Amino acid sequence: LLQLQELPARDSLAEIVVGEYLELLA
C-alpha cells in the first residue's frame, strides 16, 4: 500500500484489492 500510494498515477482499485482482498488475490 505504501508503494501504491506513491505511484505518480494512483490506482484506487489496486489499493482496495491490496487492502481488502490480498489473500484472495494471492
mmCIF file of all heavy atoms, coordinates in Angstrom:
data_MODEL
# 
_entry.id   MODEL 
# 
loop_
_atom_site.group_PDB 
_atom_site.id 
_atom_site.type_symbol 
_atom_site.label_atom_id 
_atom_site.label_alt_id 
_atom_site.label_comp_id 
_atom_site.label_asym_id 
_atom_site.label_entity_id 
_atom_site.label_seq_id 
_atom_site.pdbx_PDB_ins_code 
_atom_site.Cartn_x 
_atom_site.Cartn_y 
_atom_site.Cartn_z 
_atom_site.occupancy 
_atom_site.B_iso_or_equiv 
_atom_site.pdbx_formal_charge 
_atom_site.auth_seq_id 
_atom_site.auth_comp_id 
_atom_site.auth_asym_id 
_atom_site.auth_atom_id 
_atom_site.pdbx_PDB_model_num 
ATOM 1   N N   . LEU A 1 1  ? 0.832   -1.212  0.000   1.00 0.00 ? 1  LEU A N   1 
ATOM 2   C CA  . LEU A 1 1  ? 0.000   0.000   0.000   1.00 0.00 ? 1  LEU A CA  1 
ATOM 3   C C   . LEU A 1 1  ? 0.864   1.258   0.000   1.00 0.00 ? 1  LEU A C   1 
ATOM 4   O O   . LEU A 1 1  ? 0.552   2.237   -0.694  1.00 0.00 ? 1  LEU A O   1 
ATOM 5   C CB  . LEU A 1 1  ? -0.931  0.001   1.218   1.00 0.00 ? 1  LEU A CB  1 
ATOM 6   C CG  . LEU A 1 1  ? -2.167  -0.898  1.117   1.00 0.00 ? 1  LEU A CG  1 
ATOM 7   C CD1 . LEU A 1 1  ? -2.911  -0.941  2.445   1.00 0.00 ? 1  LEU A CD1 1 
ATOM 8   C CD2 . LEU A 1 1  ? -3.101  -0.422  -0.004  1.00 0.00 ? 1  LEU A CD2 1 
ATOM 9   N N   . LEU A 1 2  ? 1.937   1.244   0.771   1.00 0.00 ? 2  LEU A N   1 
ATOM 10  C CA  . LEU A 1 2  ? 2.845   2.402   0.793   1.00 0.00 ? 2  LEU A CA  1 
ATOM 11  C C   . LEU A 1 2  ? 3.402   2.684   -0.602  1.00 0.00 ? 2  LEU A C   1 
ATOM 12  O O   . LEU A 1 2  ? 3.539   3.836   -1.015  1.00 0.00 ? 2  LEU A O   1 
ATOM 13  C CB  . LEU A 1 2  ? 3.990   2.149   1.770   1.00 0.00 ? 2  LEU A CB  1 
ATOM 14  C CG  . LEU A 1 2  ? 3.641   2.205   3.264   1.00 0.00 ? 2  LEU A CG  1 
ATOM 15  C CD1 . LEU A 1 2  ? 4.808   1.715   4.107   1.00 0.00 ? 2  LEU A CD1 1 
ATOM 16  C CD2 . LEU A 1 2  ? 3.266   3.633   3.673   1.00 0.00 ? 2  LEU A CD2 1 
ATOM 17  N N   . GLN A 1 3  ? 3.717   1.616   -1.326  1.00 0.00 ? 3  GLN A N   1 
ATOM 18  C CA  . GLN A 1 3  ? 4.260   1.792   -2.679  1.00 0.00 ? 3  GLN A CA  1 
ATOM 19  C C   . GLN A 1 3  ? 3.185   2.236   -3.665  1.00 0.00 ? 3  GLN A C   1 
ATOM 20  O O   . GLN A 1 3  ? 3.445   3.065   -4.542  1.00 0.00 ? 3  GLN A O   1 
ATOM 21  C CB  . GLN A 1 3  ? 4.903   0.484   -3.144  1.00 0.00 ? 3  GLN A CB  1 
ATOM 22  C CG  . GLN A 1 3  ? 6.126   0.101   -2.318  1.00 0.00 ? 3  GLN A CG  1 
ATOM 23  C CD  . GLN A 1 3  ? 6.737   -1.215  -2.729  1.00 0.00 ? 3  GLN A CD  1 
ATOM 24  O OE1 . GLN A 1 3  ? 7.190   -1.364  -3.858  1.00 0.00 ? 3  GLN A OE1 1 
ATOM 25  N NE2 . GLN A 1 3  ? 6.753   -2.185  -1.819  1.00 0.00 ? 3  GLN A NE2 1 
ATOM 26  N N   . LEU A 1 4  ? 1.983   1.685   -3.517  1.00 0.00 ? 4  LEU A N   1 
ATOM 27  C CA  . LEU A 1 4  ? 0.883   2.092   -4.403  1.00 0.00 ? 4  LEU A CA  1 
ATOM 28  C C   . LEU A 1 4  ? 0.522   3.556   -4.199  1.00 0.00 ? 4  LEU A C   1 
ATOM 29  O O   . LEU A 1 4  ? 0.212   4.280   -5.162  1.00 0.00 ? 4  LEU A O   1 
ATOM 30  C CB  . LEU A 1 4  ? -0.352  1.209   -4.144  1.00 0.00 ? 4  LEU A CB  1 
ATOM 31  C CG  . LEU A 1 4  ? -0.273  -0.238  -4.647  1.00 0.00 ? 4  LEU A CG  1 
ATOM 32  C CD1 . LEU A 1 4  ? -1.460  -1.036  -4.131  1.00 0.00 ? 4  LEU A CD1 1 
ATOM 33  C CD2 . LEU A 1 4  ? -0.229  -0.281  -6.174  1.00 0.00 ? 4  LEU A CD2 1 
ATOM 34  N N   . GLN A 1 5  ? 0.587   4.004   -2.953  1.00 0.00 ? 5  GLN A N   1 
ATOM 35  C CA  . GLN A 1 5  ? 0.221   5.399   -2.652  1.00 0.00 ? 5  GLN A CA  1 
ATOM 36  C C   . GLN A 1 5  ? 1.244   6.397   -3.165  1.00 0.00 ? 5  GLN A C   1 
ATOM 37  O O   . GLN A 1 5  ? 0.955   7.585   -3.271  1.00 0.00 ? 5  GLN A O   1 
ATOM 38  C CB  . GLN A 1 5  ? 0.046   5.557   -1.138  1.00 0.00 ? 5  GLN A CB  1 
ATOM 39  C CG  . GLN A 1 5  ? -1.181  4.841   -0.590  1.00 0.00 ? 5  GLN A CG  1 
ATOM 40  C CD  . GLN A 1 5  ? -1.137  4.628   0.911   1.00 0.00 ? 5  GLN A CD  1 
ATOM 41  O OE1 . GLN A 1 5  ? -0.214  5.084   1.589   1.00 0.00 ? 5  GLN A OE1 1 
ATOM 42  N NE2 . GLN A 1 5  ? -2.123  3.921   1.445   1.00 0.00 ? 5  GLN A NE2 1 
ATOM 43  N N   . GLU A 1 6  ? 2.443   5.927   -3.508  1.00 0.00 ? 6  GLU A N   1 
ATOM 44  C CA  . GLU A 1 6  ? 3.487   6.810   -4.017  1.00 0.00 ? 6  GLU A CA  1 
ATOM 45  C C   . GLU A 1 6  ? 3.589   6.808   -5.534  1.00 0.00 ? 6  GLU A C   1 
ATOM 46  O O   . GLU A 1 6  ? 4.448   7.482   -6.100  1.00 0.00 ? 6  GLU A O   1 
ATOM 47  C CB  . GLU A 1 6  ? 4.840   6.410   -3.420  1.00 0.00 ? 6  GLU A CB  1 
ATOM 48  C CG  . GLU A 1 6  ? 4.991   6.726   -1.942  1.00 0.00 ? 6  GLU A CG  1 
ATOM 49  C CD  . GLU A 1 6  ? 4.956   8.210   -1.646  1.00 0.00 ? 6  GLU A CD  1 
ATOM 50  O OE1 . GLU A 1 6  ? 5.517   8.989   -2.461  1.00 0.00 ? 6  GLU A OE1 1 
ATOM 51  O OE2 . GLU A 1 6  ? 4.373   8.609   -0.625  1.00 0.00 ? 6  GLU A OE2 1 
ATOM 52  N N   . LEU A 1 7  ? 2.720   6.029   -6.209  1.00 0.00 ? 7  LEU A N   1 
ATOM 53  C CA  . LEU A 1 7  ? 2.754   5.988   -7.673  1.00 0.00 ? 7  LEU A CA  1 
ATOM 54  C C   . LEU A 1 7  ? 2.333   7.343   -8.248  1.00 0.00 ? 7  LEU A C   1 
ATOM 55  O O   . LEU A 1 7  ? 1.456   8.018   -7.695  1.00 0.00 ? 7  LEU A O   1 
ATOM 56  C CB  . LEU A 1 7  ? 1.815   4.895   -8.197  1.00 0.00 ? 7  LEU A CB  1 
ATOM 57  C CG  . LEU A 1 7  ? 2.226   3.444   -7.917  1.00 0.00 ? 7  LEU A CG  1 
ATOM 58  C CD1 . LEU A 1 7  ? 1.151   2.492   -8.429  1.00 0.00 ? 7  LEU A CD1 1 
ATOM 59  C CD2 . LEU A 1 7  ? 3.565   3.132   -8.566  1.00 0.00 ? 7  LEU A CD2 1 
ATOM 60  N N   . PRO A 1 8  ? 2.951   7.773   -9.353  1.00 0.00 ? 8  PRO A N   1 
ATOM 61  C CA  . PRO A 1 8  ? 2.571   9.050   -9.976  1.00 0.00 ? 8  PRO A CA  1 
ATOM 62  C C   . PRO A 1 8  ? 1.081   9.104   -10.304 1.00 0.00 ? 8  PRO A C   1 
ATOM 63  O O   . PRO A 1 8  ? 0.435   10.139  -10.119 1.00 0.00 ? 8  PRO A O   1 
ATOM 64  C CB  . PRO A 1 8  ? 3.429   9.069   -11.250 1.00 0.00 ? 8  PRO A CB  1 
ATOM 65  C CG  . PRO A 1 8  ? 4.582   8.171   -10.947 1.00 0.00 ? 8  PRO A CG  1 
ATOM 66  C CD  . PRO A 1 8  ? 4.035   7.108   -10.073 1.00 0.00 ? 8  PRO A CD  1 
ATOM 67  N N   . ALA A 1 9  ? 0.548   7.988   -10.804 1.00 0.00 ? 9  ALA A N   1 
ATOM 68  C CA  . ALA A 1 9  ? -0.894  7.893   -11.086 1.00 0.00 ? 9  ALA A CA  1 
ATOM 69  C C   . ALA A 1 9  ? -1.460  6.823   -10.164 1.00 0.00 ? 9  ALA A C   1 
ATOM 70  O O   . ALA A 1 9  ? -1.302  5.624   -10.416 1.00 0.00 ? 9  ALA A O   1 
ATOM 71  C CB  . ALA A 1 9  ? -1.129  7.541   -12.551 1.00 0.00 ? 9  ALA A CB  1 
ATOM 72  N N   . ARG A 1 10 ? -2.105  7.248   -9.094  1.00 0.00 ? 10 ARG A N   1 
ATOM 73  C CA  . ARG A 1 10 ? -2.601  6.294   -8.111  1.00 0.00 ? 10 ARG A CA  1 
ATOM 74  C C   . ARG A 1 10 ? -3.729  5.453   -8.688  1.00 0.00 ? 10 ARG A C   1 
ATOM 75  O O   . ARG A 1 10 ? -4.552  5.934   -9.482  1.00 0.00 ? 10 ARG A O   1 
ATOM 76  C CB  . ARG A 1 10 ? -3.065  7.009   -6.844  1.00 0.00 ? 10 ARG A CB  1 
ATOM 77  C CG  . ARG A 1 10 ? -1.898  7.586   -6.062  1.00 0.00 ? 10 ARG A CG  1 
ATOM 78  C CD  . ARG A 1 10 ? -2.326  8.219   -4.762  1.00 0.00 ? 10 ARG A CD  1 
ATOM 79  N NE  . ARG A 1 10 ? -2.939  7.274   -3.835  1.00 0.00 ? 10 ARG A NE  1 
ATOM 80  C CZ  . ARG A 1 10 ? -3.239  7.571   -2.572  1.00 0.00 ? 10 ARG A CZ  1 
ATOM 81  N NH1 . ARG A 1 10 ? -2.957  8.794   -2.093  1.00 0.00 ? 10 ARG A NH1 1 
ATOM 82  N NH2 . ARG A 1 10 ? -3.801  6.681   -1.789  1.00 0.00 ? 10 ARG A NH2 1 
ATOM 83  N N   . ASP A 1 11 ? -3.754  4.195   -8.313  1.00 0.00 ? 11 ASP A N   1 
ATOM 84  C CA  . ASP A 1 11 ? -4.763  3.239   -8.786  1.00 0.00 ? 11 ASP A CA  1 
ATOM 85  C C   . ASP A 1 11 ? -5.624  2.845   -7.587  1.00 0.00 ? 11 ASP A C   1 
ATOM 86  O O   . ASP A 1 11 ? -5.233  2.019   -6.765  1.00 0.00 ? 11 ASP A O   1 
ATOM 87  C CB  . ASP A 1 11 ? -4.064  2.006   -9.378  1.00 0.00 ? 11 ASP A CB  1 
ATOM 88  C CG  . ASP A 1 11 ? -5.018  1.074   -10.093 1.00 0.00 ? 11 ASP A CG  1 
ATOM 89  O OD1 . ASP A 1 11 ? -6.151  0.899   -9.611  1.00 0.00 ? 11 ASP A OD1 1 
ATOM 90  O OD2 . ASP A 1 11 ? -4.622  0.483   -11.120 1.00 0.00 ? 11 ASP A OD2 1 
ATOM 91  N N   . SER A 1 12 ? -6.802  3.452   -7.496  1.00 0.00 ? 12 SER A N   1 
ATOM 92  C CA  . SER A 1 12 ? -7.671  3.221   -6.337  1.00 0.00 ? 12 SER A CA  1 
ATOM 93  C C   . SER A 1 12 ? -8.141  1.774   -6.271  1.00 0.00 ? 12 SER A C   1 
ATOM 94  O O   . SER A 1 12 ? -8.265  1.209   -5.176  1.00 0.00 ? 12 SER A O   1 
ATOM 95  C CB  . SER A 1 12 ? -8.882  4.161   -6.385  1.00 0.00 ? 12 SER A CB  1 
ATOM 96  O OG  . SER A 1 12 ? -9.616  3.979   -7.602  1.00 0.00 ? 12 SER A OG  1 
ATOM 97  N N   . LEU A 1 13 ? -8.377  1.144   -7.427  1.00 0.00 ? 13 LEU A N   1 
ATOM 98  C CA  . LEU A 1 13 ? -8.824  -0.258  -7.433  1.00 0.00 ? 13 LEU A CA  1 
ATOM 99  C C   . LEU A 1 13 ? -7.729  -1.158  -6.864  1.00 0.00 ? 13 LEU A C   1 
ATOM 100 O O   . LEU A 1 13 ? -8.008  -2.050  -6.054  1.00 0.00 ? 13 LEU A O   1 
ATOM 101 C CB  . LEU A 1 13 ? -9.189  -0.689  -8.851  1.00 0.00 ? 13 LEU A CB  1 
ATOM 102 C CG  . LEU A 1 13 ? -9.610  -2.163  -9.006  1.00 0.00 ? 13 LEU A CG  1 
ATOM 103 C CD1 . LEU A 1 13 ? -10.824 -2.478  -8.135  1.00 0.00 ? 13 LEU A CD1 1 
ATOM 104 C CD2 . LEU A 1 13 ? -9.889  -2.498  -10.469 1.00 0.00 ? 13 LEU A CD2 1 
ATOM 105 N N   . ALA A 1 14 ? -6.503  -0.919  -7.262  1.00 0.00 ? 14 ALA A N   1 
ATOM 106 C CA  . ALA A 1 14 ? -5.391  -1.727  -6.756  1.00 0.00 ? 14 ALA A CA  1 
ATOM 107 C C   . ALA A 1 14 ? -5.259  -1.560  -5.245  1.00 0.00 ? 14 ALA A C   1 
ATOM 108 O O   . ALA A 1 14 ? -5.007  -2.531  -4.522  1.00 0.00 ? 14 ALA A O   1 
ATOM 109 C CB  . ALA A 1 14 ? -4.093  -1.329  -7.452  1.00 0.00 ? 14 ALA A CB  1 
ATOM 110 N N   . GLU A 1 15 ? -5.436  -0.341  -4.754  1.00 0.00 ? 15 GLU A N   1 
ATOM 111 C CA  . GLU A 1 15 ? -5.330  -0.098  -3.315  1.00 0.00 ? 15 GLU A CA  1 
ATOM 112 C C   . GLU A 1 15 ? -6.444  -0.816  -2.551  1.00 0.00 ? 15 GLU A C   1 
ATOM 113 O O   . GLU A 1 15 ? -6.217  -1.346  -1.454  1.00 0.00 ? 15 GLU A O   1 
ATOM 114 C CB  . GLU A 1 15 ? -5.374  1.405   -3.042  1.00 0.00 ? 15 GLU A CB  1 
ATOM 115 C CG  . GLU A 1 15 ? -4.123  2.133   -3.545  1.00 0.00 ? 15 GLU A CG  1 
ATOM 116 C CD  . GLU A 1 15 ? -4.172  3.642   -3.282  1.00 0.00 ? 15 GLU A CD  1 
ATOM 117 O OE1 . GLU A 1 15 ? -4.900  4.051   -2.344  1.00 0.00 ? 15 GLU A OE1 1 
ATOM 118 O OE2 . GLU A 1 15 ? -3.506  4.398   -4.004  1.00 0.00 ? 15 GLU A OE2 1 
ATOM 119 N N   . ILE A 1 16 ? -7.637  -0.856  -3.136  1.00 0.00 ? 16 ILE A N   1 
ATOM 120 C CA  . ILE A 1 16 ? -8.755  -1.567  -2.492  1.00 0.00 ? 16 ILE A CA  1 
ATOM 121 C C   . ILE A 1 16 ? -8.480  -3.070  -2.456  1.00 0.00 ? 16 ILE A C   1 
ATOM 122 O O   . ILE A 1 16 ? -8.671  -3.731  -1.431  1.00 0.00 ? 16 ILE A O   1 
ATOM 123 C CB  . ILE A 1 16 ? -10.074 -1.282  -3.235  1.00 0.00 ? 16 ILE A CB  1 
ATOM 124 C CG1 . ILE A 1 16 ? -10.487 0.182   -3.043  1.00 0.00 ? 16 ILE A CG1 1 
ATOM 125 C CG2 . ILE A 1 16 ? -11.184 -2.209  -2.744  1.00 0.00 ? 16 ILE A CG2 1 
ATOM 126 C CD1 . ILE A 1 16 ? -11.679 0.605   -3.897  1.00 0.00 ? 16 ILE A CD1 1 
ATOM 127 N N   . VAL A 1 17 ? -8.016  -3.605  -3.581  1.00 0.00 ? 17 VAL A N   1 
ATOM 128 C CA  . VAL A 1 17 ? -7.742  -5.055  -3.656  1.00 0.00 ? 17 VAL A CA  1 
ATOM 129 C C   . VAL A 1 17 ? -6.654  -5.445  -2.671  1.00 0.00 ? 17 VAL A C   1 
ATOM 130 O O   . VAL A 1 17 ? -6.786  -6.434  -1.946  1.00 0.00 ? 17 VAL A O   1 
ATOM 131 C CB  . VAL A 1 17 ? -7.351  -5.456  -5.099  1.00 0.00 ? 17 VAL A CB  1 
ATOM 132 C CG1 . VAL A 1 17 ? -6.873  -6.907  -5.128  1.00 0.00 ? 17 VAL A CG1 1 
ATOM 133 C CG2 . VAL A 1 17 ? -8.534  -5.275  -6.045  1.00 0.00 ? 17 VAL A CG2 1 
ATOM 134 N N   . VAL A 1 18 ? -5.557  -4.664  -2.618  1.00 0.00 ? 18 VAL A N   1 
ATOM 135 C CA  . VAL A 1 18 ? -4.468  -4.974  -1.682  1.00 0.00 ? 18 VAL A CA  1 
ATOM 136 C C   . VAL A 1 18 ? -4.939  -4.819  -0.240  1.00 0.00 ? 18 VAL A C   1 
ATOM 137 O O   . VAL A 1 18 ? -4.627  -5.630  0.626   1.00 0.00 ? 18 VAL A O   1 
ATOM 138 C CB  . VAL A 1 18 ? -3.253  -4.073  -1.957  1.00 0.00 ? 18 VAL A CB  1 
ATOM 139 C CG1 . VAL A 1 18 ? -2.218  -4.214  -0.841  1.00 0.00 ? 18 VAL A CG1 1 
ATOM 140 C CG2 . VAL A 1 18 ? -2.625  -4.430  -3.292  1.00 0.00 ? 18 VAL A CG2 1 
ATOM 141 N N   . GLY A 1 19 ? -5.726  -3.784  0.011   1.00 0.00 ? 19 GLY A N   1 
ATOM 142 C CA  . GLY A 1 19 ? -6.174  -3.515  1.365   1.00 0.00 ? 19 GLY A CA  1 
ATOM 143 C C   . GLY A 1 19 ? -7.169  -4.530  1.902   1.00 0.00 ? 19 GLY A C   1 
ATOM 144 O O   . GLY A 1 19 ? -7.168  -4.830  3.099   1.00 0.00 ? 19 GLY A O   1 
ATOM 145 N N   . GLU A 1 20 ? -8.003  -5.104  1.024   1.00 0.00 ? 20 GLU A N   1 
ATOM 146 C CA  . GLU A 1 20 ? -9.085  -5.962  1.497   1.00 0.00 ? 20 GLU A CA  1 
ATOM 147 C C   . GLU A 1 20 ? -9.085  -7.380  0.922   1.00 0.00 ? 20 GLU A C   1 
ATOM 148 O O   . GLU A 1 20 ? -9.696  -8.280  1.511   1.00 0.00 ? 20 GLU A O   1 
ATOM 149 C CB  . GLU A 1 20 ? -10.434 -5.301  1.169   1.00 0.00 ? 20 GLU A CB  1 
ATOM 150 C CG  . GLU A 1 20 ? -10.596 -3.918  1.788   1.00 0.00 ? 20 GLU A CG  1 
ATOM 151 C CD  . GLU A 1 20 ? -11.917 -3.261  1.395   1.00 0.00 ? 20 GLU A CD  1 
ATOM 152 O OE1 . GLU A 1 20 ? -12.866 -3.992  1.030   1.00 0.00 ? 20 GLU A OE1 1 
ATOM 153 O OE2 . GLU A 1 20 ? -11.994 -2.017  1.446   1.00 0.00 ? 20 GLU A OE2 1 
ATOM 154 N N   . TYR A 1 21 ? -8.406  -7.600  -0.194  1.00 0.00 ? 21 TYR A N   1 
ATOM 155 C CA  . TYR A 1 21 ? -8.507  -8.904  -0.858  1.00 0.00 ? 21 TYR A CA  1 
ATOM 156 C C   . TYR A 1 21 ? -7.147  -9.499  -1.221  1.00 0.00 ? 21 TYR A C   1 
ATOM 157 O O   . TYR A 1 21 ? -7.051  -10.303 -2.144  1.00 0.00 ? 21 TYR A O   1 
ATOM 158 C CB  . TYR A 1 21 ? -9.349  -8.776  -2.138  1.00 0.00 ? 21 TYR A CB  1 
ATOM 159 C CG  . TYR A 1 21 ? -10.742 -8.264  -1.912  1.00 0.00 ? 21 TYR A CG  1 
ATOM 160 C CD1 . TYR A 1 21 ? -11.040 -6.908  -2.067  1.00 0.00 ? 21 TYR A CD1 1 
ATOM 161 C CD2 . TYR A 1 21 ? -11.766 -9.133  -1.539  1.00 0.00 ? 21 TYR A CD2 1 
ATOM 162 C CE1 . TYR A 1 21 ? -12.327 -6.433  -1.856  1.00 0.00 ? 21 TYR A CE1 1 
ATOM 163 C CE2 . TYR A 1 21 ? -13.060 -8.667  -1.336  1.00 0.00 ? 21 TYR A CE2 1 
ATOM 164 C CZ  . TYR A 1 21 ? -13.332 -7.313  -1.485  1.00 0.00 ? 21 TYR A CZ  1 
ATOM 165 O OH  . TYR A 1 21 ? -14.617 -6.850  -1.271  1.00 0.00 ? 21 TYR A OH  1 
ATOM 166 N N   . LEU A 1 22 ? -6.096  -9.125  -0.495  1.00 0.00 ? 22 LEU A N   1 
ATOM 167 C CA  . LEU A 1 22 ? -4.752  -9.576  -0.870  1.00 0.00 ? 22 LEU A CA  1 
ATOM 168 C C   . LEU A 1 22 ? -4.619  -11.095 -0.809  1.00 0.00 ? 22 LEU A C   1 
ATOM 169 O O   . LEU A 1 22 ? -4.016  -11.707 -1.692  1.00 0.00 ? 22 LEU A O   1 
ATOM 170 C CB  . LEU A 1 22 ? -3.711  -8.922  0.046   1.00 0.00 ? 22 LEU A CB  1 
ATOM 171 C CG  . LEU A 1 22 ? -2.243  -9.202  -0.307  1.00 0.00 ? 22 LEU A CG  1 
ATOM 172 C CD1 . LEU A 1 22 ? -1.932  -8.709  -1.714  1.00 0.00 ? 22 LEU A CD1 1 
ATOM 173 C CD2 . LEU A 1 22 ? -1.303  -8.539  0.704   1.00 0.00 ? 22 LEU A CD2 1 
ATOM 174 N N   . GLU A 1 23 ? -5.192  -11.722 0.215   1.00 0.00 ? 23 GLU A N   1 
ATOM 175 C CA  . GLU A 1 23 ? -5.101  -13.180 0.338   1.00 0.00 ? 23 GLU A CA  1 
ATOM 176 C C   . GLU A 1 23 ? -5.809  -13.881 -0.814  1.00 0.00 ? 23 GLU A C   1 
ATOM 177 O O   . GLU A 1 23 ? -5.291  -14.853 -1.388  1.00 0.00 ? 23 GLU A O   1 
ATOM 178 C CB  . GLU A 1 23 ? -5.693  -13.651 1.674   1.00 0.00 ? 23 GLU A CB  1 
ATOM 179 C CG  . GLU A 1 23 ? -4.867  -13.287 2.891   1.00 0.00 ? 23 GLU A CG  1 
ATOM 180 C CD  . GLU A 1 23 ? -5.090  -11.849 3.336   1.00 0.00 ? 23 GLU A CD  1 
ATOM 181 O OE1 . GLU A 1 23 ? -5.989  -11.173 2.765   1.00 0.00 ? 23 GLU A OE1 1 
ATOM 182 O OE2 . GLU A 1 23 ? -4.379  -11.397 4.256   1.00 0.00 ? 23 GLU A OE2 1 
ATOM 183 N N   . LEU A 1 24 ? -6.993  -13.378 -1.157  1.00 0.00 ? 24 LEU A N   1 
ATOM 184 C CA  . LEU A 1 24 ? -7.740  -13.986 -2.272  1.00 0.00 ? 24 LEU A CA  1 
ATOM 185 C C   . LEU A 1 24 ? -6.983  -13.798 -3.586  1.00 0.00 ? 24 LEU A C   1 
ATOM 186 O O   . LEU A 1 24 ? -6.974  -14.691 -4.441  1.00 0.00 ? 24 LEU A O   1 
ATOM 187 C CB  . LEU A 1 24 ? -9.134  -13.353 -2.384  1.00 0.00 ? 24 LEU A CB  1 
ATOM 188 C CG  . LEU A 1 24 ? -10.111 -13.655 -1.233  1.00 0.00 ? 24 LEU A CG  1 
ATOM 189 C CD1 . LEU A 1 24 ? -11.428 -12.900 -1.459  1.00 0.00 ? 24 LEU A CD1 1 
ATOM 190 C CD2 . LEU A 1 24 ? -10.375 -15.145 -1.119  1.00 0.00 ? 24 LEU A CD2 1 
ATOM 191 N N   . LEU A 1 25 ? -6.339  -12.646 -3.748  1.00 0.00 ? 25 LEU A N   1 
ATOM 192 C CA  . LEU A 1 25 ? -5.569  -12.387 -4.968  1.00 0.00 ? 25 LEU A CA  1 
ATOM 193 C C   . LEU A 1 25 ? -4.401  -13.359 -5.064  1.00 0.00 ? 25 LEU A C   1 
ATOM 194 O O   . LEU A 1 25 ? -4.133  -13.924 -6.129  1.00 0.00 ? 25 LEU A O   1 
ATOM 195 C CB  . LEU A 1 25 ? -5.063  -10.945 -4.965  1.00 0.00 ? 25 LEU A CB  1 
ATOM 196 C CG  . LEU A 1 25 ? -4.380  -10.481 -6.261  1.00 0.00 ? 25 LEU A CG  1 
ATOM 197 C CD1 . LEU A 1 25 ? -5.418  -10.294 -7.360  1.00 0.00 ? 25 LEU A CD1 1 
ATOM 198 C CD2 . LEU A 1 25 ? -3.615  -9.178  -6.038  1.00 0.00 ? 25 LEU A CD2 1 
ATOM 199 N N   . ALA A 1 26 ? -3.715  -13.581 -3.952  1.00 0.00 ? 26 ALA A N   1 
ATOM 200 C CA  . ALA A 1 26 ? -2.574  -14.494 -3.944  1.00 0.00 ? 26 ALA A CA  1 
ATOM 201 C C   . ALA A 1 26 ? -2.999  -15.928 -4.222  1.00 0.00 ? 26 ALA A C   1 
ATOM 202 O O   . ALA A 1 26 ? -2.272  -16.694 -4.854  1.00 0.00 ? 26 ALA A O   1 
ATOM 203 C CB  . ALA A 1 26 ? -1.858  -14.420 -2.592  1.00 0.00 ? 26 ALA A CB  1 
# 
